[in-house]
């Protein structure tokens, strides 16, 4: 039986990447503590190999904090924050926090965790007690509030079929309509 990790420790290579991401993205200490708890649960309860978590965080760092894509991300966030600050009257810190939310979910499956969902063949094998070579082949992102994106309506004939909820909020932004003069 595996011994649980002490509450404040994670393997050094994983903790190094967590600290780097939290520093680069200026995470509040409460969010960092929650994320550390989620990572510990993934290792202890779910049996996720540390190497997979390290690889996921490396992918996040590569995508968002190196090269031209990192510069593009940073520039887009800064531009959105400046607009929110100037036009919306928000304090700079709040504008930056809100501007970063757009990149947190739909664009990066490694943000705060991921869930692997077994395909039909694996589910059938599990029902009869057969070992499957891997945990699943469908990976879905999960935001900090532990929500996976979902459609507002599952009926393709409804307008809400094209609207998505993520981060516990609706991602749809209604188009501004002009009132027509009578």
Protein backbone atom coordinates (compact mmCIF):
# COMPACT_ATOMS: atom_id res chain seq x y z
CA UNK A 1 0.00 0.00 0.00
CA UNK A 2 1.26 3.45 -0.92
CA UNK A 3 2.04 5.86 1.87
CA UNK A 4 0.34 9.25 1.41
CA UNK A 5 2.59 12.24 0.86
CA UNK A 6 2.91 14.63 3.79
CA UNK A 7 0.55 17.60 3.30
CA UNK A 8 3.18 20.15 2.29
CA UNK A 9 5.35 18.04 0.01
CA UNK A 10 5.28 16.96 -3.59
CA UNK A 11 8.12 15.43 -5.60
CA UNK A 12 10.80 18.06 -6.23
CA UNK A 13 10.51 18.10 -10.03
CA UNK A 14 6.74 18.61 -9.86
CA UNK A 15 6.98 21.26 -7.13
CA UNK A 16 9.62 23.13 -9.14
CA UNK A 17 7.25 23.46 -12.12
CA UNK A 18 4.31 24.42 -9.91
CA UNK A 19 6.37 27.17 -8.27
CA UNK A 20 7.55 28.44 -11.65
CA UNK A 21 4.02 28.59 -13.09
CA UNK A 22 2.65 30.26 -9.96
CA UNK A 23 5.46 32.84 -10.10
CA UNK A 24 5.13 33.56 -13.85
CA UNK A 25 1.36 33.86 -13.67
CA UNK A 26 1.23 35.62 -10.29
CA UNK A 27 -1.12 33.15 -8.66
CA UNK A 28 -2.57 34.12 -5.26
CA UNK A 29 -1.32 31.89 -2.44
CA UNK A 30 -4.81 30.46 -1.83
CA UNK A 31 -5.08 29.29 -5.45
CA UNK A 32 -1.58 27.81 -5.26
CA UNK A 33 -2.47 25.89 -2.08
CA UNK A 34 -5.66 24.56 -3.69
CA UNK A 35 -3.72 23.46 -6.77
CA UNK A 36 -1.11 21.66 -4.63
CA UNK A 37 -3.97 19.79 -2.94
CA UNK A 38 -5.41 18.81 -6.31
CA UNK A 39 -2.04 17.54 -7.50
CA UNK A 40 -1.58 15.51 -4.30
CA UNK A 41 -5.05 14.01 -4.81
CA UNK A 42 -4.21 13.13 -8.41
CA UNK A 43 -1.09 11.30 -7.25
CA UNK A 44 -2.46 9.61 -4.12
CA UNK A 45 -6.12 8.96 -4.88
CA UNK A 46 -6.16 8.70 -8.67
CA UNK A 47 -2.77 7.06 -9.12
CA UNK A 48 -1.62 9.52 -11.78
CA UNK A 49 2.13 9.03 -12.34
CA UNK A 50 4.23 12.03 -11.33
CA UNK A 51 5.98 11.89 -14.71
CA UNK A 52 2.64 12.52 -16.47
CA UNK A 53 1.91 15.54 -14.30
CA UNK A 54 5.42 16.90 -14.90
CA UNK A 55 4.97 16.41 -18.66
CA UNK A 56 1.61 18.22 -18.55
CA UNK A 57 3.14 21.18 -16.73
CA UNK A 58 6.10 21.19 -19.14
CA UNK A 59 3.59 21.35 -22.02
CA UNK A 60 1.86 24.29 -20.32
CA UNK A 61 5.18 26.09 -19.80
CA UNK A 62 6.21 25.43 -23.40
CA UNK A 63 2.90 26.65 -24.79
CA UNK A 64 2.37 29.72 -22.64
CA UNK A 65 5.79 30.82 -21.39
CA UNK A 66 8.32 30.33 -24.16
CA UNK A 67 8.84 31.65 -27.65
CA UNK A 68 6.48 33.66 -29.80
CA UNK A 69 3.30 32.05 -28.46
CA UNK A 70 4.13 33.22 -24.94
CA UNK A 71 4.71 36.73 -26.25
CA UNK A 72 1.40 36.56 -28.13
CA UNK A 73 -0.42 35.34 -24.99
CA UNK A 74 1.18 38.03 -22.85
CA UNK A 75 0.42 40.76 -25.39
CA UNK A 76 -3.22 39.65 -25.75
CA UNK A 77 -3.69 39.56 -21.96
CA UNK A 78 -2.08 42.98 -21.52
CA UNK A 79 -4.22 44.46 -24.29
CA UNK A 80 -7.44 43.03 -22.83
CA UNK A 81 -6.43 44.25 -19.36
CA UNK A 82 -5.69 47.75 -20.66
CA UNK A 83 -9.10 47.93 -22.34
CA UNK A 84 -10.85 46.71 -19.17
CA UNK A 85 -8.91 49.20 -17.09
CA UNK A 86 -9.41 52.20 -19.38
CA UNK A 87 -12.88 51.58 -20.79
CA UNK A 88 -14.33 49.57 -17.93
CA UNK A 89 -12.81 51.52 -15.07
CA UNK A 90 -11.43 48.42 -13.33
CA UNK A 91 -8.34 48.55 -11.12
CA UNK A 92 -5.29 47.17 -12.98
CA UNK A 93 -4.96 44.00 -10.85
CA UNK A 94 -8.63 43.08 -11.35
CA UNK A 95 -8.40 43.84 -15.09
CA UNK A 96 -5.37 41.53 -15.42
CA UNK A 97 -7.09 38.76 -13.47
CA UNK A 98 -10.17 38.93 -15.69
CA UNK A 99 -8.12 39.20 -18.88
CA UNK A 100 -6.20 36.02 -18.01
CA UNK A 101 -9.41 34.04 -17.47
CA UNK A 102 -9.94 33.75 -21.23
CA UNK A 103 -6.72 31.74 -21.57
CA UNK A 104 -7.33 29.54 -18.56
CA UNK A 105 -9.78 27.02 -19.87
CA UNK A 106 -10.60 26.28 -23.47
CA UNK A 107 -7.06 26.83 -24.72
CA UNK A 108 -5.04 24.68 -22.32
CA UNK A 109 -6.10 21.26 -21.08
CA UNK A 110 -3.22 21.22 -18.60
CA UNK A 111 -4.33 24.32 -16.72
CA UNK A 112 -5.32 22.92 -13.33
CA UNK A 113 -5.97 19.31 -14.05
CA UNK A 114 -7.34 16.92 -16.55
CA UNK A 115 -9.59 13.92 -16.55
CA UNK A 116 -9.17 10.92 -18.81
CA UNK A 117 -12.34 9.21 -19.89
CA UNK A 118 -12.23 5.56 -20.99
CA UNK A 119 -13.51 4.82 -24.47
CA UNK A 120 -16.27 2.25 -25.11
CA UNK A 121 -13.83 -0.65 -25.59
CA UNK A 122 -12.06 0.10 -22.31
CA UNK A 123 -15.37 0.42 -20.43
CA UNK A 124 -16.45 -2.98 -21.77
CA UNK A 125 -13.16 -4.56 -20.69
CA UNK A 126 -13.46 -3.00 -17.24
CA UNK A 127 -17.00 -4.34 -16.83
CA UNK A 128 -15.73 -7.92 -17.14
CA UNK A 129 -12.66 -7.28 -15.01
CA UNK A 130 -9.99 -7.21 -17.73
CA UNK A 131 -6.95 -5.01 -17.35
CA UNK A 132 -6.68 -2.19 -19.87
CA UNK A 133 -3.26 -0.99 -21.02
CA UNK A 134 -4.00 2.68 -20.32
CA UNK A 135 -6.48 4.76 -18.36
CA UNK A 136 -8.33 6.31 -21.24
CA UNK A 137 -7.92 7.98 -24.55
CA UNK A 138 -10.21 10.98 -24.28
CA UNK A 139 -8.77 13.85 -22.29
CA UNK A 140 -10.95 16.76 -21.27
CA UNK A 141 -9.73 19.94 -19.67
CA UNK A 142 -10.97 21.02 -16.30
CA UNK A 143 -10.86 24.55 -14.96
CA UNK A 144 -9.97 25.66 -11.45
CA UNK A 145 -13.56 25.33 -10.31
CA UNK A 146 -13.44 21.71 -11.52
CA UNK A 147 -15.90 22.35 -14.33
CA UNK A 148 -15.56 20.76 -17.71
CA UNK A 149 -16.97 22.80 -20.60
CA UNK A 150 -20.54 21.83 -21.46
CA UNK A 151 -23.21 22.97 -23.89
CA UNK A 152 -26.10 25.01 -22.53
CA UNK A 153 -28.47 22.96 -24.69
CA UNK A 154 -27.94 19.50 -26.15
CA UNK A 155 -30.56 20.09 -28.85
CA UNK A 156 -28.88 21.12 -32.10
CA UNK A 157 -32.03 22.91 -33.24
CA UNK A 158 -31.83 25.43 -30.37
CA UNK A 159 -29.78 28.61 -30.48
CA UNK A 160 -28.17 27.71 -27.13
CA UNK A 161 -26.51 24.66 -28.75
CA UNK A 162 -23.64 26.90 -29.84
CA UNK A 163 -23.19 28.43 -26.38
CA UNK A 164 -20.76 26.92 -23.87
CA UNK A 165 -20.35 27.20 -20.12
CA UNK A 166 -16.82 27.18 -18.78
CA UNK A 167 -15.18 28.30 -15.54
CA UNK A 168 -18.67 28.12 -14.13
CA UNK A 169 -19.79 30.95 -16.38
CA UNK A 170 -21.30 31.14 -19.83
CA UNK A 171 -18.62 31.74 -22.47
CA UNK A 172 -21.11 33.30 -24.85
CA UNK A 173 -20.92 37.05 -25.20
CA UNK A 174 -24.11 38.46 -26.75
CA UNK A 175 -23.58 40.64 -29.80
CA UNK A 176 -24.33 44.29 -29.27
CA UNK A 177 -27.49 45.14 -31.15
CA UNK A 178 -28.43 48.59 -32.27
CA UNK A 179 -31.92 49.76 -31.61
CA UNK A 180 -33.66 50.65 -34.80
CA UNK A 181 -35.56 53.90 -34.99
CA UNK A 182 -39.29 53.38 -35.35
